[in-house]
C-alpha cells in the first residue's frame, strides 16, 4: 500500500501475510541482503515520538508489538503490527506512538 501523491515521496507499507510473522533474525538478514545497515530497537508502551523527518530513506519493520505512525502533511495514520514494514522516503514528516504492549523494531537506512 502506498500513501502520498508524488511517486518520489510515497510512503510504502507492506503488510505481513501468511502464518507466523517473520523472526528478528529473518528480518535482519533480509534487510542486510537489501543493503540496509540494520539495527534493533525497543520501546515501552505508549511512548510518543514527536514529528520528525530524516535526510535519508528509512525502512522499519515491526517485529513485536505495534507502532502507529502519523503522517501529518498527508493526514494519514498507519498501524504497524508484527511483520509489517514501512518505507519512509527522505524528508517525509512523521510521528509515532508505541502500542499498549510496547514494540520491537528493526530499522535501517541506505
Protein backbone atom coordinates (compact mmCIF):
# COMPACT_ATOMS: atom_id res chain seq x y z
CA UNK A 1 0.00 0.00 0.00
CA UNK A 2 1.40 3.40 -0.96
CA UNK A 3 0.47 6.59 0.85
CA UNK A 4 1.02 10.00 -0.74
CA UNK A 5 0.56 11.68 -4.08
CA UNK A 6 4.02 12.00 -5.60
CA UNK A 7 5.93 8.92 -6.74
CA UNK A 8 9.10 10.42 -5.26
CA UNK A 9 7.58 10.95 -1.82
CA UNK A 10 5.39 7.89 -1.40
CA UNK A 11 5.38 6.10 1.91
CA UNK A 12 5.09 2.38 1.24
CA UNK A 13 3.51 0.00 3.77
CA UNK A 14 3.93 -3.74 3.28
CA UNK A 15 1.63 -5.87 5.43
CA UNK A 16 2.75 -9.29 6.63
CA UNK A 17 0.66 -12.01 5.03
CA UNK A 18 0.81 -15.63 6.00
CA UNK A 19 1.13 -17.67 9.15
CA UNK A 20 3.64 -16.91 11.83
CA UNK A 21 5.26 -13.50 11.37
CA UNK A 22 8.97 -13.39 10.47
CA UNK A 23 11.57 -13.66 13.21
CA UNK A 24 14.01 -10.96 14.21
CA UNK A 25 16.82 -12.97 12.60
CA UNK A 26 14.94 -13.35 9.30
CA UNK A 27 14.02 -9.67 9.10
CA UNK A 28 17.57 -8.55 9.96
CA UNK A 29 19.04 -10.91 7.34
CA UNK A 30 16.59 -9.68 4.69
CA UNK A 31 17.41 -6.04 5.40
CA UNK A 32 21.15 -6.70 5.15
CA UNK A 33 20.56 -8.51 1.82
CA UNK A 34 18.73 -5.36 0.61
CA UNK A 35 21.80 -3.28 1.51
CA UNK A 36 20.47 -1.68 4.71
CA UNK A 37 22.54 -1.01 7.81
CA UNK A 38 20.02 -2.56 10.17
CA UNK A 39 19.70 -2.18 13.93
CA UNK A 40 17.16 -3.27 16.53
CA UNK A 41 15.37 -1.01 18.98
CA UNK A 42 12.59 -1.39 21.51
CA UNK A 43 10.39 0.98 23.43
CA UNK A 44 7.89 0.86 26.25
CA UNK A 45 4.11 1.05 25.89
CA UNK A 46 2.55 4.35 24.78
CA UNK A 47 5.90 6.10 24.19
CA UNK A 48 5.45 9.05 21.81
CA UNK A 49 7.93 10.20 19.17
CA UNK A 50 7.42 13.83 18.11
CA UNK A 51 7.15 14.86 14.45
CA UNK A 52 10.46 14.42 12.65
CA UNK A 53 11.98 13.79 9.24
CA UNK A 54 15.30 12.44 8.01
CA UNK A 55 17.74 13.28 5.23
CA UNK A 56 17.79 9.63 4.17
CA UNK A 57 15.43 6.82 3.17
CA UNK A 58 14.36 4.85 6.25
CA UNK A 59 12.86 1.36 6.38
CA UNK A 60 11.30 -0.01 9.54
CA UNK A 61 9.93 -3.48 10.35
CA UNK A 62 7.73 -4.08 13.37
CA UNK A 63 8.92 -7.36 14.91
CA UNK A 64 6.75 -7.48 18.03
CA UNK A 65 4.02 -5.25 19.42
CA UNK A 66 2.62 -2.33 17.46
CA UNK A 67 3.51 1.17 16.31
CA UNK A 68 1.14 3.83 15.00
CA UNK A 69 2.80 6.17 12.50
CA UNK A 70 1.16 9.51 11.74
CA UNK A 71 1.98 11.35 8.51
CA UNK A 72 0.68 14.86 9.34
CA UNK A 73 1.21 16.50 5.94
CA UNK A 74 -0.68 13.63 4.26
CA UNK A 75 -3.31 13.45 7.03
CA UNK A 76 -2.79 9.68 7.28
CA UNK A 77 -2.20 7.18 10.09
CA UNK A 78 -0.72 3.72 9.65
CA UNK A 79 -0.75 0.99 12.31
CA UNK A 80 2.17 -1.44 12.09
CA UNK A 81 1.91 -4.87 13.70
CA UNK A 82 4.28 -7.84 13.82
CA UNK A 83 5.81 -8.45 10.40
CA UNK A 84 4.65 -5.16 8.84
CA UNK A 85 7.13 -2.88 7.06
CA UNK A 86 7.10 0.83 6.26
CA UNK A 87 9.43 2.64 3.85
CA UNK A 88 9.76 6.35 4.57
CA UNK A 89 11.41 8.43 1.83
CA UNK A 90 13.86 11.17 2.72
CA UNK A 91 12.16 14.32 4.02
CA UNK A 92 8.79 12.77 4.91
CA UNK A 93 7.46 14.14 8.21
CA UNK A 94 6.08 11.59 10.66
CA UNK A 95 5.45 10.94 14.33
CA UNK A 96 4.84 7.66 16.13
CA UNK A 97 3.11 6.20 19.17
CA UNK A 98 4.12 2.83 20.58
CA UNK A 99 1.23 0.44 21.19
CA UNK A 100 -0.09 -0.74 24.57
CA UNK A 101 2.29 -3.74 24.80
CA UNK A 102 5.44 -1.95 23.64
CA UNK A 103 7.33 -2.52 20.40
CA UNK A 104 10.46 -4.11 18.97
CA UNK A 105 11.57 -2.90 15.54
CA UNK A 106 14.36 -3.39 13.05
CA UNK A 107 15.28 -0.17 11.30
CA UNK A 108 17.70 0.57 8.53
CA UNK A 109 18.86 3.15 6.05
CA UNK A 110 20.84 3.08 2.84
